[in-house]
Amino acid sequence: MINFRAFKYIHYSLLIVTVLLVLIGVVSIYSAAYQITLETNAQVHYAMKQLAWACIGIFIFFVIIFYGYDGIYKLSYPLFLGNILLLVLVLVLGSVRHGSQRWLQFGGVLIQPSEFAKLTFVLALARYVSKNLMQNRSFMFVLKPLLLTFIPVILILQQPDLGTSLVFFPVFLSVIFVAGVNIRYLIKMSLVGITTMPFLWFCLRDYQKNRIRVFCDPNLDPTGLGYQAIQSKIAVGAGGLFGKGWLNGTQNQLNFLPKRHTDFIFSVISEEWGFLGVVLVLSLYFLLVVMGIYIASKSKDTYGKLLAVGISFMILSHVVINVGMTVGIMPITGLPLVFLSYGGSSMLTALISIAILESIWIKRRYDY
């Protein structure tokens, strides 16, 4: 039964921040894709497509608010398993774009299962950890969720998509830490991970190795792999304090900056809105993450608490990795910026995540 009374207890601050980020994203995508739309004679602007995805996401948002997140608990494992099957299907039948095989095409619509995999992983991880909380001092309490983490990570690395795969580990660590895991196990795991990192170099593909080399020195290949990083930093620095104005960014409108409506939308915002615009956007993300953690602290049940923590750190990881690669303090990995980058799968995942946070908050005052 639909419960309209739930809206009485909604976290409106979280909702307002989310709406602001979505609107900023649509406006920024319009500017970033303005020249692309003209050159390709596209009938529908990327911004309009993003707005359409946002509307679909808002509809799903309301459905989750109406029915509550409790019903998702029983679906956690099936959703995760279904997503794993989609990731396998991507490797067999996926559409190849820009050298990566990350999408499944249904009619004229492209879906990126790796985006949804992050959320379904949080659902499955939160369910397993909350169900086995009494074993939180044992090593198996850490090992089994870690193995669960590697399943989607390995499949996503095969696409290849290093950026998305990196998001899973902060989520894993945050959830098991909040669950009260023995810190010694985390320290030992971290030491093992650090000591094995040099060997991972040999597991990377040639282009990934080159990206790391170029990250250390973009001038090694200024017209190739280093071009994106160099142009991005020029755009970020060109914005100054107040920016050049909407639709007036030279790196953007003169086509110097590739992938500007997707992975490098932050560069467009920096150039056109300047330092003050960047502070505004980062402040909104900060508020979003803080509210997510606060909702976790007020949750009535362990599953809701772990779910809210996992979602909060999923969003935080996205922001840190994307902004880091944009300003040149992290290697370029091809990870979208939540709510701002163009992409239907990313938008739906983000809005569903916020809806789950809202539902967790509502339940503290109103039982579905």
Protein backbone atom coordinates (compact mmCIF):
# COMPACT_ATOMS: atom_id res chain seq x y z
CA MET A 1 0.00 0.00 0.00
CA ILE A 2 1.29 3.46 -0.88
CA ASN A 3 1.99 5.66 2.15
CA PHE A 4 1.69 9.34 1.25
CA ARG A 5 2.16 10.28 4.91
CA ALA A 6 5.85 9.43 4.53
CA PHE A 7 6.40 12.78 2.81
CA LYS A 8 5.64 14.55 6.07
CA TYR A 9 8.93 13.26 7.46
CA ILE A 10 11.17 13.67 4.43
CA HIS A 11 14.66 15.18 4.83
CA TYR A 12 14.06 18.34 2.80
CA SER A 13 17.61 19.66 3.15
CA LEU A 14 18.91 16.52 1.46
CA LEU A 15 16.26 16.86 -1.23
CA ILE A 16 17.12 20.52 -1.90
CA VAL A 17 20.86 19.79 -2.20
CA THR A 18 20.11 16.94 -4.61
CA VAL A 19 17.84 19.09 -6.79
CA LEU A 20 20.46 21.86 -6.90
CA LEU A 21 23.16 19.42 -8.03
CA VAL A 22 20.88 17.99 -10.72
CA LEU A 23 20.05 21.48 -12.03
CA ILE A 24 23.71 22.54 -11.98
CA GLY A 25 24.51 19.37 -13.91
CA VAL A 26 21.90 20.04 -16.62
CA VAL A 27 23.01 23.67 -17.03
CA SER A 28 26.68 22.67 -17.18
CA ILE A 29 26.04 19.87 -19.68
CA TYR A 30 24.17 22.33 -21.91
CA SER A 31 27.26 24.51 -22.05
CA ALA A 32 29.74 21.63 -22.31
CA ALA A 33 27.85 19.95 -25.17
CA TYR A 34 26.76 23.12 -26.97
CA GLN A 35 29.42 22.93 -29.69
CA ILE A 36 29.19 19.13 -29.87
CA THR A 37 25.46 19.38 -30.59
CA LEU A 38 26.03 21.94 -33.35
CA GLU A 39 28.79 19.95 -35.01
CA THR A 40 26.87 16.65 -34.99
CA ASN A 41 23.49 18.23 -35.89
CA ALA A 42 21.97 16.35 -32.97
CA GLN A 43 18.19 16.62 -32.85
CA VAL A 44 18.11 16.37 -29.05
CA HIS A 45 20.61 18.22 -26.89
CA TYR A 46 22.57 16.24 -24.31
CA ALA A 47 21.15 18.47 -21.58
CA MET A 48 17.61 17.52 -22.57
CA LYS A 49 18.51 13.85 -22.51
CA GLN A 50 20.02 14.31 -19.05
CA LEU A 51 16.87 16.08 -17.89
CA ALA A 52 14.79 13.18 -19.22
CA TRP A 53 16.92 10.69 -17.26
CA ALA A 54 16.53 12.89 -14.19
CA CYS A 55 12.74 12.78 -14.56
CA ILE A 56 12.82 8.98 -14.76
CA GLY A 57 15.06 8.94 -11.70
CA ILE A 58 12.68 11.23 -9.82
CA PHE A 59 9.79 8.87 -10.58
CA ILE A 60 11.76 5.93 -9.15
CA PHE A 61 12.74 8.21 -6.24
CA PHE A 62 9.09 8.69 -5.32
CA VAL A 63 8.34 4.98 -5.68
CA ILE A 64 11.06 4.14 -3.15
CA ILE A 65 9.82 6.88 -0.79
CA PHE A 66 6.27 5.54 -1.06
CA TYR A 67 7.15 1.95 -0.29
CA GLY A 68 10.22 2.28 1.93
CA TYR A 69 13.66 0.70 1.74
CA ASP A 70 12.70 -2.33 3.87
CA GLY A 71 11.42 -4.18 0.83
CA ILE A 72 14.83 -3.85 -0.77
CA TYR A 73 16.38 -6.01 1.97
CA LYS A 74 14.98 -9.25 0.56
CA LEU A 75 15.88 -8.17 -2.97
CA SER A 76 19.49 -7.26 -2.11
CA TYR A 77 21.09 -10.54 -3.14
CA PRO A 78 18.92 -11.10 -6.25
CA LEU A 79 19.62 -7.54 -7.43
CA PHE A 80 23.36 -8.01 -6.88
CA LEU A 81 23.36 -11.38 -8.65
CA GLY A 82 21.35 -9.97 -11.54
CA ASN A 83 23.82 -7.10 -11.86
CA ILE A 84 26.74 -9.56 -11.92
CA LEU A 85 25.06 -11.41 -14.77
CA LEU A 86 24.67 -8.11 -16.64
CA LEU A 87 28.39 -7.41 -16.14
CA VAL A 88 29.19 -10.80 -17.63
CA LEU A 89 26.79 -10.07 -20.49
CA VAL A 90 28.61 -6.79 -21.15
CA LEU A 91 31.85 -8.69 -21.77
CA VAL A 92 30.05 -10.94 -24.28
CA LEU A 93 27.57 -8.65 -26.04
CA GLY A 94 28.44 -5.17 -24.84
CA SER A 95 28.70 -2.13 -27.09
CA VAL A 96 32.22 -0.79 -27.61
CA ARG A 97 32.65 2.98 -27.34
CA HIS A 98 35.92 4.89 -27.09
CA GLY A 99 37.87 1.65 -26.74
CA SER A 100 35.85 0.33 -23.79
CA GLN A 101 33.13 -2.31 -23.64
CA ARG A 102 30.92 -1.04 -20.83
CA TRP A 103 27.41 -0.71 -22.24
CA LEU A 104 24.42 -2.86 -23.11
CA GLN A 105 22.12 -1.53 -25.81
CA PHE A 106 18.36 -1.96 -25.56
CA GLY A 107 16.80 -0.45 -28.65
CA GLY A 108 18.31 3.01 -28.84
CA VAL A 109 19.13 3.19 -25.12
CA LEU A 110 22.56 2.45 -23.69
CA ILE A 111 22.74 1.11 -20.13
CA GLN A 112 25.98 0.89 -18.13
CA PRO A 113 25.63 -2.00 -15.63
CA SER A 114 28.84 -1.05 -13.80
CA GLU A 115 27.09 2.10 -12.53
CA PHE A 116 24.24 0.12 -11.00
CA ALA A 117 26.72 -2.49 -9.70
CA LYS A 118 28.03 -0.01 -7.12
CA LEU A 119 24.60 0.41 -5.58
CA THR A 120 23.58 -3.26 -5.72
CA PHE A 121 26.94 -4.07 -4.12
CA VAL A 122 26.15 -1.69 -1.24
CA LEU A 123 22.76 -3.37 -0.81
CA ALA A 124 24.24 -6.87 -0.72
CA LEU A 125 27.18 -5.88 1.49
CA ALA A 126 24.94 -4.10 4.02
CA ARG A 127 22.63 -7.11 4.19
CA TYR A 128 25.44 -9.63 4.71
CA VAL A 129 27.26 -7.55 7.32
CA SER A 130 24.10 -6.68 9.29
CA LYS A 131 23.00 -10.32 9.28
CA ASN A 132 26.37 -11.57 10.56
CA LEU A 133 27.13 -8.73 12.94
CA MET A 134 27.70 -11.07 15.90
CA GLN A 135 30.78 -12.42 14.11
CA ASN A 136 32.37 -9.01 13.62
CA ARG A 137 35.52 -9.93 15.58
CA SER A 138 36.38 -12.91 13.39
CA PHE A 139 38.57 -12.88 10.28
CA MET A 140 35.86 -14.52 8.16
CA PHE A 141 33.68 -11.48 8.83
CA VAL A 142 36.21 -9.51 6.78
CA LEU A 143 37.21 -12.16 4.25
CA LYS A 144 33.76 -13.04 2.90
CA PRO A 145 32.71 -9.42 2.18
CA LEU A 146 36.14 -8.85 0.61
CA LEU A 147 35.56 -11.76 -1.76
CA LEU A 148 32.12 -10.32 -2.49
CA THR A 149 33.85 -7.06 -3.39
CA PHE A 150 36.27 -8.66 -5.84
CA ILE A 151 33.51 -10.27 -7.94
CA PRO A 152 32.23 -7.03 -9.54
CA VAL A 153 35.68 -5.40 -9.41
CA ILE A 154 37.28 -8.13 -11.54
CA LEU A 155 34.44 -8.04 -14.07
CA ILE A 156 34.54 -4.24 -14.32
CA LEU A 157 38.31 -4.23 -14.76
CA GLN A 158 37.83 -6.44 -17.82
CA GLN A 159 35.73 -3.77 -19.59
CA PRO A 160 38.19 -2.03 -18.78
CA ASP A 161 37.01 0.57 -16.24
CA LEU A 162 39.61 1.23 -13.56
CA GLY A 163 37.83 4.29 -12.15
CA THR A 164 34.57 2.55 -11.32
CA SER A 165 36.38 -0.45 -9.82
CA LEU A 166 38.21 1.84 -7.38
CA VAL A 167 34.93 2.99 -5.80
CA PHE A 168 34.16 -0.45 -4.35
CA PHE A 169 37.03 -0.56 -1.87
CA PRO A 170 36.25 2.63 0.13
CA VAL A 171 32.65 1.43 0.34
CA PHE A 172 33.78 -1.98 1.61
CA LEU A 173 36.13 -0.47 4.21
CA SER A 174 33.58 2.07 5.47
CA VAL A 175 30.82 -0.52 5.95
CA ILE A 176 32.89 -3.11 7.80
CA PHE A 177 34.55 -0.38 9.90
CA VAL A 178 31.17 0.94 11.07
CA ALA A 179 30.13 -2.67 11.74
CA GLY A 180 32.87 -2.86 14.39
CA VAL A 181 35.40 -5.11 12.66
CA ASN A 182 38.65 -5.90 14.46
CA ILE A 183 41.00 -3.09 13.43
CA ARG A 184 43.97 -5.48 13.37
CA TYR A 185 42.47 -7.25 10.37
CA LEU A 186 42.11 -3.97 8.47
CA ILE A 187 45.72 -3.03 9.26
CA LYS A 188 46.99 -6.42 8.10
CA MET A 189 44.90 -6.24 4.92
CA SER A 190 46.20 -2.74 4.22
CA LEU A 191 49.80 -3.86 4.66
CA VAL A 192 49.24 -6.80 2.31
CA GLY A 193 47.65 -4.46 -0.22
CA ILE A 194 50.53 -1.98 -0.02
CA THR A 195 53.21 -4.65 -0.39
CA THR A 196 51.46 -6.20 -3.41
CA MET A 197 50.87 -2.90 -5.23
CA PRO A 198 54.18 -3.04 -7.16
CA PHE A 199 53.16 -6.43 -8.56
CA LEU A 200 49.83 -5.02 -9.76
CA TRP A 201 51.79 -2.97 -12.27
CA PHE A 202 52.26 -6.11 -14.33
CA CYS A 203 48.49 -6.71 -14.33
CA LEU A 204 47.73 -3.33 -15.88
CA ARG A 205 47.14 -2.89 -19.59
CA ASP A 206 49.63 -0.84 -21.59
CA TYR A 207 47.34 2.19 -21.87
CA GLN A 208 46.75 2.12 -18.09
CA LYS A 209 50.51 2.07 -17.47
CA ASN A 210 50.91 4.95 -19.87
CA ARG A 211 48.21 6.91 -18.06
CA ILE A 212 50.14 6.56 -14.81
CA ARG A 213 53.37 7.62 -16.54
CA VAL A 214 51.60 10.63 -18.03
CA PHE A 215 50.07 11.45 -14.64
CA CYS A 216 53.59 11.76 -13.25
CA ASP A 217 54.64 13.90 -16.22
CA PRO A 218 51.91 15.01 -18.69
CA ASN A 219 54.60 16.42 -20.98
CA LEU A 220 55.71 12.89 -21.84
CA ASP A 221 52.86 12.81 -24.37
CA PRO A 222 51.40 16.34 -24.55
CA THR A 223 49.46 15.72 -27.77
CA GLY A 224 48.30 12.20 -26.84
CA LEU A 225 47.49 10.78 -23.41
CA GLY A 226 48.77 13.90 -21.66
CA TYR A 227 46.57 16.22 -23.71
CA GLN A 228 43.43 15.66 -21.64
CA ALA A 229 45.20 16.28 -18.33
CA ILE A 230 46.96 19.42 -19.62
CA GLN A 231 43.79 20.96 -21.13
CA SER A 232 41.80 20.14 -18.00
CA LYS A 233 44.26 21.95 -15.73
CA ILE A 234 44.32 24.92 -18.12
CA ALA A 235 40.51 25.10 -17.93
CA VAL A 236 40.50 24.87 -14.14
CA GLY A 237 43.11 27.60 -13.82
CA ALA A 238 41.54 29.86 -16.45
CA GLY A 239 38.37 30.36 -14.42
CA GLY A 240 39.95 32.66 -11.90
CA LEU A 241 37.77 33.88 -9.06
CA PHE A 242 34.47 34.51 -10.85
CA GLY A 243 34.85 32.47 -14.04
CA LYS A 244 34.42 33.46 -17.69
CA GLY A 245 30.66 33.08 -17.67
CA TRP A 246 28.21 30.47 -18.89
CA LEU A 247 28.86 29.45 -22.53
CA ASN A 248 32.01 31.60 -22.54
CA GLY A 249 34.70 29.11 -21.54
CA THR A 250 37.38 29.04 -24.25
CA GLN A 251 38.68 25.56 -23.46
CA ASN A 252 35.08 24.39 -23.62
CA GLN A 253 33.58 26.27 -26.57
CA LEU A 254 36.70 26.06 -28.75
CA ASN A 255 36.82 22.26 -28.35
CA PHE A 256 40.20 22.12 -26.63
CA LEU A 257 38.84 19.93 -23.82
CA PRO A 258 37.67 16.40 -24.77
CA LYS A 259 35.00 14.50 -22.82
CA ARG A 260 33.93 17.74 -21.21
CA HIS A 261 30.23 16.86 -20.89
CA THR A 262 31.01 13.53 -19.20
CA ASP A 263 34.11 12.83 -17.12
CA PHE A 264 35.50 16.38 -17.24
CA ILE A 265 32.38 18.41 -16.50
CA PHE A 266 34.14 19.78 -13.40
CA SER A 267 36.70 21.48 -15.69
CA VAL A 268 33.86 23.25 -17.50
CA ILE A 269 32.35 24.42 -14.21
CA SER A 270 35.75 25.63 -13.01
CA GLU A 271 36.39 27.64 -16.17
CA GLU A 272 32.92 29.17 -16.50
CA TRP A 273 32.02 29.62 -12.83
CA GLY A 274 35.45 30.18 -11.35
CA PHE A 275 36.66 29.51 -7.84
CA LEU A 276 33.40 30.63 -6.25
CA GLY A 277 31.41 28.21 -8.41
CA VAL A 278 33.76 25.37 -7.50
CA VAL A 279 33.37 26.17 -3.80
CA LEU A 280 29.58 26.11 -4.21
CA VAL A 281 29.60 22.71 -5.95
CA LEU A 282 32.05 21.12 -3.51
CA SER A 283 30.08 22.55 -0.58
CA LEU A 284 26.92 20.90 -1.88
CA TYR A 285 28.73 17.57 -2.12
CA PHE A 286 30.11 18.05 1.38
CA LEU A 287 26.63 18.67 2.73
CA LEU A 288 25.30 15.64 0.86
CA VAL A 289 27.89 13.30 2.37
CA VAL A 290 27.57 14.77 5.87
CA MET A 291 23.78 14.41 5.76
CA GLY A 292 24.17 10.81 4.57
CA ILE A 293 26.42 9.98 7.52
CA TYR A 294 24.07 11.80 9.89
CA ILE A 295 21.15 9.75 8.56
CA ALA A 296 23.23 6.62 9.19
CA SER A 297 23.76 7.67 12.81
CA LYS A 298 20.01 8.10 13.30
CA SER A 299 18.93 4.86 11.61
CA LYS A 300 16.62 2.58 13.57
CA ASP A 301 18.25 -0.62 12.31
CA THR A 302 21.74 -1.85 11.47
CA TYR A 303 20.92 -2.57 7.84
CA GLY A 304 19.77 1.01 7.30
CA LYS A 305 22.85 2.37 9.07
CA LEU A 306 25.28 0.35 6.96
CA LEU A 307 23.33 1.14 3.80
CA ALA A 308 23.51 4.88 4.48
CA VAL A 309 27.25 4.70 5.24
CA GLY A 310 27.94 2.71 2.08
CA ILE A 311 25.97 5.14 -0.11
CA SER A 312 27.66 8.17 1.50
CA PHE A 313 31.14 6.81 0.85
CA MET A 314 30.18 5.75 -2.67
CA ILE A 315 29.29 9.37 -3.45
CA LEU A 316 32.37 10.68 -1.64
CA SER A 317 34.67 8.34 -3.59
CA HIS A 318 33.18 9.51 -6.88
CA VAL A 319 33.78 13.15 -6.03
CA VAL A 320 37.33 12.64 -4.74
CA ILE A 321 38.44 10.51 -7.71
CA ASN A 322 36.78 12.65 -10.40
CA VAL A 323 37.85 16.03 -9.02
CA GLY A 324 41.31 14.63 -8.29
CA MET A 325 41.87 13.54 -11.89
CA THR A 326 40.42 16.82 -13.18
CA VAL A 327 42.89 18.99 -11.27
CA GLY A 328 45.82 16.64 -11.88
CA ILE A 329 46.40 15.11 -8.45
CA MET A 330 45.14 11.67 -9.51
CA PRO A 331 45.53 9.64 -12.74
CA ILE A 332 42.76 9.91 -15.33
CA THR A 333 40.46 6.92 -14.82
CA GLY A 334 37.25 7.84 -16.63
CA LEU A 335 34.88 8.15 -13.68
CA PRO A 336 31.81 10.46 -13.96
CA LEU A 337 30.99 13.13 -11.40
CA VAL A 338 27.77 12.21 -9.59
CA PHE A 339 24.73 14.29 -10.70
CA LEU A 340 26.87 16.56 -12.90
CA SER A 341 28.37 14.36 -15.62
CA TYR A 342 26.19 13.33 -18.55
CA GLY A 343 24.95 9.75 -18.30
CA GLY A 344 21.61 8.11 -17.69
CA SER A 345 22.89 5.13 -15.70
CA SER A 346 24.89 7.41 -13.42
CA MET A 347 21.92 9.71 -12.86
CA LEU A 348 19.52 6.88 -12.06
CA THR A 349 22.01 5.28 -9.64
CA ALA A 350 22.54 8.58 -7.84
CA LEU A 351 18.85 9.43 -7.48
CA ILE A 352 17.96 5.91 -6.31
CA SER A 353 20.75 6.19 -3.74
CA ILE A 354 19.35 9.48 -2.42
CA ALA A 355 15.85 7.96 -2.30
CA ILE A 356 17.17 5.13 -0.11
CA LEU A 357 18.80 7.67 2.22
CA GLU A 358 15.49 9.54 2.43
CA SER A 359 13.62 6.33 3.19
CA ILE A 360 16.07 5.47 5.99
CA TRP A 361 15.55 8.95 7.45
CA ILE A 362 11.76 8.72 7.20
CA LYS A 363 11.63 5.39 9.01
CA ARG A 364 13.06 6.91 12.20
CA ARG A 365 9.79 8.82 12.55
CA TYR A 366 7.33 6.80 10.51
CA ASP A 367 7.07 3.03 10.09
CA TYR A 368 5.97 1.96 6.63
